[in-house]
Each structure stands twice: as structure tokens, then as C-alpha cells.
Amino acid sequence: MRSIHNETQTAIPDAAGLLRQWQTRMLDGLLIVLSVVGLLAVIGGSWVEYAVRREEAIPLIIAYVATYAIVPVITIVKRLGFAVRAFGLLGLVMALSALVLANNGLLGNGRLIWMASVVLAAALFGVRGGIVIMAISLVCFGIVGWFFVGGILQNAPTHIAVLNTPPSWIGAITVYTCMTCLAAVPFMYLLNRLSTLASSATANAARAEANARLAEERAAELERQTVRLQETEHMLRTLIATLETPTVPLASGVMLAPIVGQLDSQRAEALVHRLLTVASAQRTRLMVIDIAGVPAFDTQVAQSLLRAAQALELIGCHVALTGISPATAQTMTALGIRMDNITIARSPQDILTQR
């Protein structure tokens, strides 16, 4: 569970990081599309410009090619980083927008490219980026319009209307502003919505991570409690086994093991284990087993005692049996139970007297 938690923790970026991932993927896709479409646009635009202006279009064609050449570079070299690549692409589009605007007038394709620049800036740098590029485009429109009004720029193609009066110039800027807002504002709203979704996703991931950590801590606590319960259970079992078959030293090398209650198979096995453990630890030479507290003596009890005696003999400890009642003696005689290898006495005191 800890490894899962670590993987979850390292896989969750913050809201800004998640939004930057989306922007980076969008930038990569946009650069790939521009590398392909831009090549076609450069070829087609150059052909149209040359067909209209002939030799006068050569400097513009060179500018188109030089501008396009930078696009594949920032597409391939990703080590430049997001900011450098994004500013490079945006700068190229803005330069192309200003160039086309100056050559084709305020009603040409330049205003469309400026609209694309504003939307691109909003996508890559957020609402503030879109507002900044919008302001820059209006400044560029104002300068170019002023040049056309002042007669400095008059090289627009004849099929494009040139706005060389202040009212028409202001009207063109107003129309451009409205069109750009209609195109950029919904996109900016969508970008803000994506940012909100990223924040929500990050918050949900953080809550999931906290829940996973809490579940891990609770599982660890349950595991510790289980270990403690197992240890307690083991101690209780040991205590019960000790209380069921207590051992009392009678003399040097002599131990007394009084048995109280009925002997079943499970208790008989515990009895053998207990007597062997005590005899080995105390170096007991004689184990006196008193059965005065056994209410009923049958074949199973006799076999249990014989197994205990045989096991104790193997570790050098002799067994003596005491506390045989008259009823038990009759039962043993009737069942034909013989205990030839076990010393029989009335009581533990008699065993000590015989020694």
C-alpha cells in the first residue's frame, strides 16, 4: 500500500502544473500543424504575391520563408522550454501579422492573423496574455492606419481597399476590436473553465491522496492491534496451560503435577508439552502426576498418561502416579490398563517417603 501511495503522490501535479501540461500539448500540436500548413501557406502565398507584384514581391517572399524556417526549429528542439517556444511562435505570428497588415492594408489578411495572435496568446499565456496582445495589435493598427492616412504606406494591392481617411481608419479598428472580442472572449472563458476544472481535479486528487494516507495509517494501526491481540492471546493460552497443569517442586529434582478436571485429546497434548518443557528446564528426575482431581478415568486418560510417561522417560525423567481412588482402580482393572513402567503411590508424600 505504501508503494501505491508514493506513486499516487508523485503522479498528482498542482492546478498550474496540470494547466501547463495542457498548454504544452496544445503548443506541440499547434507547432506540428503549422509546420505542415505553414509550408503550404508559404508556397501558396508566395505564388500569389509574385503573381500580383512580380519583382516587388521578392522581399516579402523572402520574409515569409525566413519566418517559416523558424517554426520547424522550435517544433523539433523541445529543450528550449515552454516559455521560449511559446514566445518564439507568438513573436513570429505577430511579426507576420504586422508585415501583412502593412502590405495589404487594414482590410487585408493582416487583421485575421492579428486575431489569431490574440487567441493564441490567450491559449498559451491565459487571459492576461490575450489582453496584452490585443493592446499591441491595436497599437499596430493605429500606427499602420496613421501611415496610410499620412501617405507613408501606399503599396497595398489594388484589389484591396486602402483606408486613408481618419473615419475609415477608426471604423476599421473598431470592427477589428469587435471581431477579435467575439473570437477571443469565448476562448478565454473556456480557458478559465479549464483552469477551474484543473483546480477541482487537483483538489479531488489531494483528497484522494489524503484518504489513501488515512486508510494506510488505519491499516497499519489495525495490523499493530492484530499483533498485540495475537501476543495477548498467546500469553493467555500460556497462562491457561500453566494453570491447567501447574507444577510444584517437592524436593530436589522432584516435581508435582496435579491434574484437575477431565482430560480430552487437546488438553492431553498440552499436558505432555507442558510436562516436557518443565522437566527439561528444571532438570527434573522424577515427575509426580497426581490424578486425584480427575473425575472419570477411562482408556483415553490412561493412554494420555502413558504417552506423557514415555515422553518424559526419553529425556531421563521417571514418572510416578498418585491419587488413584478406589473407583479409578476398579475401572483400570476392568479395562485391563497396565502401567508397568510407572511408579504407583497413594499420595505425593508416599513418594517422598519411599525416596
Protein backbone atom coordinates (compact mmCIF):
# COMPACT_ATOMS: atom_id res chain seq x y z
CA MET A 1 0.00 0.00 0.00
CA ARG A 2 2.88 2.37 0.73
CA SER A 3 4.21 1.97 -2.83
CA ILE A 4 0.77 2.76 -4.23
CA HIS A 5 0.60 5.83 -2.05
CA ASN A 6 4.03 7.02 -3.24
CA GLU A 7 3.07 6.51 -6.89
CA THR A 8 -0.14 8.43 -6.33
CA GLN A 9 1.71 11.26 -4.63
CA THR A 10 4.29 11.66 -7.42
CA ALA A 11 1.65 11.44 -10.17
CA ILE A 12 -0.50 14.36 -8.95
CA PRO A 13 0.54 17.82 -10.22
CA ASP A 14 -0.94 21.05 -8.93
CA ALA A 15 -3.55 23.03 -10.85
CA ALA A 16 -0.96 25.30 -12.51
CA GLY A 17 1.14 22.28 -13.48
CA LEU A 18 -1.87 20.48 -14.93
CA LEU A 19 -2.87 23.54 -16.95
CA ARG A 20 0.72 23.92 -18.17
CA GLN A 21 0.66 20.29 -19.32
CA TRP A 22 -2.43 21.02 -21.41
CA GLN A 23 -0.84 24.16 -22.83
CA THR A 24 2.37 22.31 -23.68
CA ARG A 25 0.47 19.58 -25.50
CA MET A 26 -1.53 22.22 -27.37
CA LEU A 27 1.67 24.05 -28.30
CA ASP A 28 3.28 20.85 -29.59
CA GLY A 29 0.23 20.02 -31.68
CA LEU A 30 -0.06 23.57 -32.99
CA LEU A 31 3.61 23.66 -34.00
CA ILE A 32 3.28 20.39 -35.87
CA VAL A 33 0.20 21.67 -37.72
CA LEU A 34 1.92 24.98 -38.51
CA SER A 35 4.97 23.15 -39.81
CA VAL A 36 2.81 21.38 -42.38
CA VAL A 37 0.17 24.01 -43.10
CA GLY A 38 2.70 26.84 -42.92
CA LEU A 39 4.75 25.28 -45.68
CA LEU A 40 1.70 25.12 -47.92
CA ALA A 41 0.75 28.68 -46.95
CA VAL A 42 4.23 29.99 -47.73
CA ILE A 43 4.20 28.31 -51.12
CA GLY A 44 0.69 29.50 -51.96
CA GLY A 45 1.14 33.00 -50.56
CA SER A 46 4.45 33.46 -52.30
CA TRP A 47 2.91 32.37 -55.58
CA VAL A 48 0.01 34.81 -55.21
CA GLU A 49 2.27 37.70 -54.16
CA TYR A 50 4.60 37.09 -57.08
CA ALA A 51 1.68 36.84 -59.50
CA VAL A 52 0.33 40.21 -58.31
CA ARG A 53 3.53 42.19 -57.69
CA ARG A 54 6.18 40.33 -59.61
CA GLU A 55 9.67 41.52 -58.62
CA GLU A 56 8.30 43.76 -55.88
CA ALA A 57 7.05 40.66 -54.03
CA ILE A 58 10.50 39.08 -53.71
CA PRO A 59 11.44 40.79 -50.39
CA LEU A 60 8.05 39.77 -48.97
CA ILE A 61 8.52 36.18 -50.14
CA ILE A 62 11.96 36.08 -48.51
CA ALA A 63 10.39 37.33 -45.27
CA TYR A 64 7.74 34.61 -45.47
CA VAL A 65 10.34 31.87 -45.95
CA ALA A 66 12.61 33.21 -43.21
CA THR A 67 9.69 33.40 -40.81
CA TYR A 68 8.52 29.89 -41.62
CA ALA A 69 12.05 28.45 -41.22
CA ILE A 70 11.94 29.20 -37.50
CA VAL A 71 8.74 27.16 -36.98
CA PRO A 72 10.30 23.69 -37.61
CA VAL A 73 13.21 24.62 -35.34
CA ILE A 74 11.08 25.42 -32.30
CA THR A 75 8.90 22.40 -33.15
CA ILE A 76 11.79 19.93 -33.01
CA VAL A 77 14.00 21.46 -30.30
CA LYS A 78 11.79 20.90 -27.23
CA ARG A 79 14.64 21.51 -24.81
CA LEU A 80 14.14 25.23 -25.34
CA GLY A 81 11.29 25.05 -22.84
CA PHE A 82 7.66 26.07 -23.00
CA ALA A 83 8.16 29.82 -22.48
CA VAL A 84 10.85 30.19 -25.16
CA ARG A 85 8.95 28.13 -27.72
CA ALA A 86 5.65 29.89 -26.98
CA PHE A 87 7.17 33.38 -27.14
CA GLY A 88 9.01 32.40 -30.32
CA LEU A 89 5.83 31.19 -32.02
CA LEU A 90 3.82 34.17 -30.83
CA GLY A 91 6.54 36.58 -31.93
CA LEU A 92 6.61 35.05 -35.41
CA VAL A 93 2.84 35.28 -35.77
CA MET A 94 2.86 38.89 -34.56
CA ALA A 95 5.68 39.84 -36.92
CA LEU A 96 3.84 38.19 -39.79
CA SER A 97 0.65 39.99 -38.77
CA ALA A 98 2.38 43.39 -38.79
CA LEU A 99 4.06 42.67 -42.13
CA VAL A 100 0.86 41.55 -43.85
CA LEU A 101 -1.06 44.45 -42.30
CA ALA A 102 1.47 46.97 -43.60
CA ASN A 103 1.44 45.45 -47.10
CA ASN A 104 -2.25 44.68 -47.55
CA GLY A 105 -3.88 47.46 -45.53
CA LEU A 106 -6.30 47.41 -42.61
CA LEU A 107 -8.85 45.36 -44.52
CA GLY A 108 -6.44 42.69 -45.71
CA ASN A 109 -5.44 39.35 -44.22
CA GLY A 110 -3.30 41.05 -41.59
CA ARG A 111 -6.25 41.65 -39.27
CA LEU A 112 -7.19 37.96 -39.42
CA ILE A 113 -3.65 36.97 -38.45
CA TRP A 114 -3.75 39.51 -35.60
CA MET A 115 -7.00 37.90 -34.38
CA ALA A 116 -5.25 34.54 -34.44
CA SER A 117 -2.37 36.08 -32.45
CA VAL A 118 -4.74 37.26 -29.71
CA VAL A 119 -6.43 33.85 -29.44
CA LEU A 120 -3.05 32.11 -29.46
CA ALA A 121 -1.74 34.38 -26.69
CA ALA A 122 -4.83 33.67 -24.59
CA ALA A 123 -4.36 29.94 -25.09
CA LEU A 124 -0.67 29.94 -24.22
CA PHE A 125 -0.48 32.63 -21.52
CA GLY A 126 -4.03 33.00 -20.25
CA VAL A 127 -6.41 35.93 -20.24
CA ARG A 128 -3.69 38.48 -19.42
CA GLY A 129 -1.64 37.31 -22.37
CA GLY A 130 -4.62 37.75 -24.69
CA ILE A 131 -5.30 41.25 -23.35
CA VAL A 132 -1.66 42.28 -23.81
CA ILE A 133 -1.51 41.06 -27.41
CA MET A 134 -4.89 42.71 -28.06
CA ALA A 135 -3.44 46.01 -26.90
CA ILE A 136 -0.31 45.52 -29.02
CA SER A 137 -2.45 44.76 -32.07
CA LEU A 138 -4.48 47.94 -31.57
CA VAL A 139 -1.26 49.94 -31.34
CA CYS A 140 -0.05 48.29 -34.56
CA PHE A 141 -3.40 49.05 -36.24
CA GLY A 142 -3.15 52.66 -35.14
CA ILE A 143 0.40 53.08 -36.45
CA VAL A 144 -0.31 51.37 -39.78
CA GLY A 145 -3.56 53.33 -40.22
CA TRP A 146 -1.75 56.56 -39.44
CA PHE A 147 0.89 55.70 -42.05
CA PHE A 148 -1.81 55.07 -44.64
CA VAL A 149 -3.60 58.28 -43.75
CA GLY A 150 -0.31 60.20 -43.93
CA GLY A 151 0.56 58.65 -47.29
CA ILE A 152 3.66 56.86 -46.00
CA LEU A 153 2.25 53.45 -46.90
CA GLN A 154 0.53 53.20 -50.28
CA ASN A 155 1.73 49.89 -51.62
CA ALA A 156 -1.38 47.84 -50.91
CA PRO A 157 -2.66 45.72 -53.81
CA THR A 158 -5.24 47.44 -55.99
CA HIS A 159 -7.93 44.84 -55.24
CA ILE A 160 -7.81 45.73 -51.50
CA ALA A 161 -9.42 48.97 -50.33
CA VAL A 162 -6.99 51.32 -48.63
CA LEU A 163 -8.40 53.24 -45.66
CA ASN A 164 -6.65 56.59 -46.00
CA THR A 165 -9.08 58.77 -44.05
CA PRO A 166 -9.33 59.05 -40.24
CA PRO A 167 -13.01 57.99 -40.02
CA SER A 168 -12.45 54.88 -42.12
CA TRP A 169 -9.29 54.11 -40.18
CA ILE A 170 -11.13 54.38 -36.82
CA GLY A 171 -14.00 52.32 -38.20
CA ALA A 172 -11.65 49.54 -39.30
CA ILE A 173 -10.06 49.43 -35.85
CA THR A 174 -13.50 49.30 -34.21
CA VAL A 175 -14.64 46.45 -36.44
CA TYR A 176 -11.40 44.58 -35.75
CA THR A 177 -11.83 45.06 -31.99
CA CYS A 178 -15.38 43.70 -32.07
CA MET A 179 -14.43 40.71 -34.24
CA THR A 180 -11.45 39.88 -32.03
CA CYS A 181 -13.55 40.07 -28.87
CA LEU A 182 -16.17 37.79 -30.40
CA ALA A 183 -13.44 35.29 -31.26
CA ALA A 184 -11.28 35.59 -28.13
CA VAL A 185 -13.76 36.09 -25.28
CA PRO A 186 -15.41 32.64 -25.60
CA PHE A 187 -11.98 31.07 -25.86
CA MET A 188 -10.79 32.92 -22.76
CA TYR A 189 -13.93 31.75 -20.91
CA LEU A 190 -13.15 28.20 -21.97
CA LEU A 191 -9.58 28.61 -20.75
CA ASN A 192 -10.79 29.87 -17.37
CA ARG A 193 -13.17 26.93 -17.21
CA LEU A 194 -10.29 24.56 -17.90
CA SER A 195 -8.30 26.23 -15.13
CA THR A 196 -11.23 25.75 -12.74
CA LEU A 197 -11.53 22.11 -13.75
CA ALA A 198 -7.79 21.68 -13.21
CA SER A 199 -8.10 23.15 -9.71
CA SER A 200 -11.06 20.88 -8.98
CA ALA A 201 -9.21 17.83 -10.30
CA THR A 202 -6.18 18.72 -8.21
CA ALA A 203 -8.32 19.17 -5.11
CA ASN A 204 -10.04 15.83 -5.71
CA ALA A 205 -6.67 14.16 -6.22
CA ALA A 206 -5.38 15.72 -3.00
CA ARG A 207 -8.43 14.46 -1.11
CA ALA A 208 -7.97 11.01 -2.62
CA GLU A 209 -4.32 11.08 -1.60
CA ALA A 210 -5.28 12.13 1.94
CA ASN A 211 -7.87 9.35 2.10
CA ALA A 212 -5.31 6.84 0.87
CA ARG A 213 -2.84 8.02 3.51
CA LEU A 214 -5.55 7.79 6.19
CA ALA A 215 -6.50 4.31 5.02
CA GLU A 216 -2.84 3.29 5.10
CA GLU A 217 -2.45 4.63 8.64
CA ARG A 218 -5.61 2.84 9.77
CA ALA A 219 -4.45 -0.39 8.15
CA ALA A 220 -1.10 -0.07 9.92
CA GLU A 221 -2.87 0.60 13.22
CA LEU A 222 -5.14 -2.42 12.68
CA GLU A 223 -2.08 -4.51 11.92
CA ARG A 224 -0.42 -3.36 15.14
CA GLN A 225 -3.59 -4.09 17.09
CA THR A 226 -3.77 -7.54 15.50
CA VAL A 227 -0.17 -8.24 16.54
CA ARG A 228 -0.92 -7.08 20.08
CA LEU A 229 -4.05 -9.25 20.21
CA GLN A 230 -2.09 -12.25 18.96
CA GLU A 231 0.57 -11.65 21.61
CA THR A 232 -2.11 -11.31 24.28
CA GLU A 233 -3.82 -14.45 23.06
CA HIS A 234 -0.54 -16.34 23.19
CA MET A 235 0.09 -15.11 26.72
CA LEU A 236 -3.42 -16.11 27.77
CA ARG A 237 -3.04 -19.55 26.23
CA THR A 238 0.26 -19.99 28.01
CA LEU A 239 -1.29 -18.85 31.28
CA ILE A 240 -4.25 -21.16 30.85
CA ALA A 241 -1.95 -24.08 30.07
CA THR A 242 0.08 -23.26 33.15
CA LEU A 243 -3.00 -23.02 35.34
CA GLU A 244 -4.47 -26.23 33.94
CA THR A 245 -1.34 -28.22 34.75
CA PRO A 246 0.63 -26.44 37.48
CA THR A 247 3.97 -27.84 38.54
CA VAL A 248 5.16 -27.64 42.15
CA PRO A 249 8.67 -28.58 43.30
CA LEU A 250 8.58 -31.20 46.08
CA ALA A 251 12.28 -31.80 46.52
CA SER A 252 15.49 -31.52 44.61
CA GLY A 253 14.80 -32.97 41.19
CA VAL A 254 11.20 -33.86 42.09
CA MET A 255 8.19 -32.02 40.65
CA LEU A 256 4.48 -32.45 41.39
CA ALA A 257 1.93 -32.02 38.57
CA PRO A 258 -1.65 -32.23 39.90
CA ILE A 259 -4.31 -32.75 37.22
CA VAL A 260 -7.77 -31.35 37.85
CA GLY A 261 -10.73 -31.93 35.55
CA GLN A 262 -11.43 -34.18 32.61
CA LEU A 263 -8.63 -34.95 30.13
CA ASP A 264 -9.54 -34.68 26.45
CA SER A 265 -7.25 -35.06 23.45
CA GLN A 266 -6.37 -31.33 23.21
CA ARG A 267 -5.70 -31.00 26.91
CA ALA A 268 -3.69 -34.25 26.95
CA GLU A 269 -1.44 -32.90 24.19
CA ALA A 270 -0.96 -29.67 26.15
CA LEU A 271 -0.21 -31.76 29.26
CA VAL A 272 2.58 -33.68 27.54
CA HIS A 273 4.08 -30.46 26.13
CA ARG A 274 3.89 -28.71 29.50
CA LEU A 275 5.49 -31.59 31.45
CA LEU A 276 8.27 -31.99 28.90
CA THR A 277 9.04 -28.28 28.96
CA VAL A 278 9.16 -28.09 32.77
CA ALA A 279 11.12 -31.31 33.17
CA SER A 280 13.71 -30.18 30.64
CA ALA A 281 14.02 -26.68 32.08
CA GLN A 282 14.18 -27.79 35.76
CA ARG A 283 16.30 -30.92 35.10
CA THR A 284 13.64 -32.97 36.83
CA ARG A 285 14.48 -36.60 37.63
CA LEU A 286 11.04 -37.58 38.95
CA MET A 287 7.67 -36.18 37.84
CA VAL A 288 4.82 -36.99 40.23
CA ILE A 289 1.46 -36.85 38.43
CA ASP A 290 -1.46 -36.67 40.82
CA ILE A 291 -4.84 -37.65 39.31
CA ALA A 292 -6.96 -37.25 42.43
CA GLY A 293 -8.80 -34.38 40.75
CA VAL A 294 -9.71 -36.36 37.59
CA PRO A 295 -13.44 -37.16 37.85
CA ALA A 296 -13.52 -40.05 35.37
CA PHE A 297 -10.70 -42.39 34.39
CA ASP A 298 -11.03 -44.22 31.08
CA THR A 299 -8.86 -45.60 28.31
CA GLN A 300 -8.26 -42.16 26.79
CA VAL A 301 -6.97 -40.76 30.10
CA ALA A 302 -4.77 -43.82 30.60
CA GLN A 303 -3.28 -43.52 27.10
CA SER A 304 -2.60 -39.82 27.68
CA LEU A 305 -0.73 -40.60 30.90
CA LEU A 306 1.22 -43.40 29.21
CA ARG A 307 2.28 -41.08 26.39
CA ALA A 308 3.37 -38.46 28.90
CA ALA A 309 5.36 -41.08 30.85
CA GLN A 310 7.05 -42.40 27.70
CA ALA A 311 7.98 -38.90 26.55
CA LEU A 312 9.39 -38.00 29.97
CA GLU A 313 11.38 -41.25 30.11
CA LEU A 314 13.04 -40.27 26.83
CA ILE A 315 14.52 -37.14 28.44
CA GLY A 316 15.61 -39.02 31.58
CA CYS A 317 12.68 -38.22 33.85
CA HIS A 318 10.83 -41.03 35.65
CA VAL A 319 7.08 -40.77 36.25
CA ALA A 320 5.14 -41.58 39.40
CA LEU A 321 1.35 -41.72 39.53
CA THR A 322 -0.56 -40.82 42.71
CA GLY A 323 -4.12 -40.08 43.78
CA ILE A 324 -5.73 -43.24 42.36
CA SER A 325 -9.15 -43.58 44.00
CA PRO A 326 -10.85 -46.93 44.61
CA ALA A 327 -13.31 -46.28 41.77
CA THR A 328 -10.45 -45.43 39.45
CA ALA A 329 -8.59 -48.59 40.49
CA GLN A 330 -11.66 -50.70 39.70
CA THR A 331 -12.05 -49.01 36.32
CA MET A 332 -8.40 -49.59 35.43
CA THR A 333 -8.69 -53.25 36.46
CA ALA A 334 -11.89 -53.71 34.48
CA LEU A 335 -10.36 -52.12 31.39
CA GLY A 336 -7.14 -54.06 31.73
CA ILE A 337 -4.99 -50.96 31.87
CA ARG A 338 -1.45 -51.69 32.96
CA MET A 339 1.18 -49.16 33.94
CA ASP A 340 4.22 -51.28 34.48
CA ASN A 341 6.79 -48.51 33.84
CA ILE A 342 5.10 -46.03 36.17
CA THR A 343 5.61 -45.89 39.93
CA ILE A 344 2.26 -46.01 41.77
CA ALA A 345 1.69 -44.48 45.20
CA ARG A 346 -1.20 -43.22 47.27
CA SER A 347 -0.01 -39.67 47.60
CA PRO A 348 2.97 -37.49 46.78
CA GLN A 349 4.06 -37.76 50.42
CA ASP A 350 4.43 -41.52 50.00
CA ILE A 351 6.71 -40.91 47.02
CA LEU A 352 8.92 -38.70 49.13
CA THR A 353 8.89 -41.31 51.93
CA GLN A 354 9.97 -44.06 49.51
CA ARG A 355 12.93 -41.88 48.40
